[in-house]
C-alpha cells in the first residue's frame, strides 16, 4: 500500500499520470539469443524523460516509468511469432479484458531441457516455490511479490500478448547482473576531456556489441543458481569484455588478480528490478542488478586489455551521452551513472528537476 500511495502521489505531477496508472494497477494487484526489435511505443513526456530518475534512483519498479514497451514488440526475438496486440490502456492486469487471447510460445531451445531452464509448468515432477528461494534457484522478485494464477507466475508489469517462457529459462523472474565499468575520457596528456557545450567531463563505459542482435549493451549475463551477484558481475565482465574463457591458465590467473582489484573497490548499485526486455512474456521476465565500478584514475583498466568473448562480437570504450542507443533498459542505467558522477549526458538541459 505504501508503494501504491507513492505512485498515486506521483500521478499528481503533470505529464506522468498515464504511466503511473499502469504501474499503480499492477502494484495493487500483486502487493538465450534474441533478435533486435526496432519498434517503440510512444515516449514519455519531456518532464518524465529528464526528471523521473530522480524520484527512485535504485528500483524502477517504484518509479513512474515502470511501464514496458519492448516487451510488447513483434516478432518475438529469434522467431516469426507475433504477439497479440495489447492496447496501452489494457496493459495493467486490473483492467478487465475478457477477450484477451495471448499467443502461447516457448522456444524449442528451452523445451529441450538445458540445465539453465525449468521444466514445463505441468510436469508432474516440477513443483516450483514462487516468490521465495527454491533450492538454489532464486524465484523472489526484486520488485516485490508477484501474482500466481493457474500455477503460472504473472508478469508484474502487465500483459505482453504472449504466454509461456519464450527464450527465458525460468518461470517468473530470470535474474541477471550488469557491471557498468566506467572511466573518464582523457586526452593525450592525461587530462579529462570536457564536452564543448555543457562543460561537463565526458564519462566512458565498456560496451559490447551483442552477437545475437548487433545492439550495443552492458557486458552482463545471467546469475547462476546459488551464485552471488558480485561473482556474476565479475565473471560476466571477464567472459564478455576480456575473453577470459579462451585464456591460458597463466593468463587467467593474471586476469583474476586484475579483476579482483577492479571489483573489490568502491561501487554503487545503479538499479535493481524489472527490465523491459523483448524476451519477456506474461509468465517469464528479466530482472537485473546493475552495479557501477568506476576507475577514477584509469590506471586499473589501462592494464586490462579489452577483448570480445562469449556473447560479445565487439568490445570497446564508448563515450556516454543521450545519443547512445543500447539494448533493453541499458541506456537508462548509463544515464543514472552520469548523474552519480556529474558527467555529461545531454546538451539539452530541459526543465529543472525538484525532489
Foldseek 3Di string as FASTA:
>chain_A
DVLLVLLVVVLVDPQLVLLSVLLNLLCVVFCPFFADFDDWDDDGDPCCVQFFCVVPQAACSSTSNLAFTLLQTDDQTPDRRHFDHDDSVQFHPVPDDPPQDAAEDADVVLQVPDPQADHPQPPPPDDADACQCGQLDGRNFLNHGFDADPSFTFDSSGARRYDDQHHHRYFHEFEKEFEWEKEWDADPVQHFDADPQPRFTWMKTKWFQFPRHRFIFGQMTTADRNHDNLVRHLVSCCCFWQVLVPDDPVVNVVVVVLSCVQSVDDKAWRYWGFWNASSDHRTYGYTYTYMYGYDYSCPSCVPRDTDGHDRGPDIDIDTAEQPGDGHTCRNVSSVSVCVVVVGYYYSDNPDDYDD
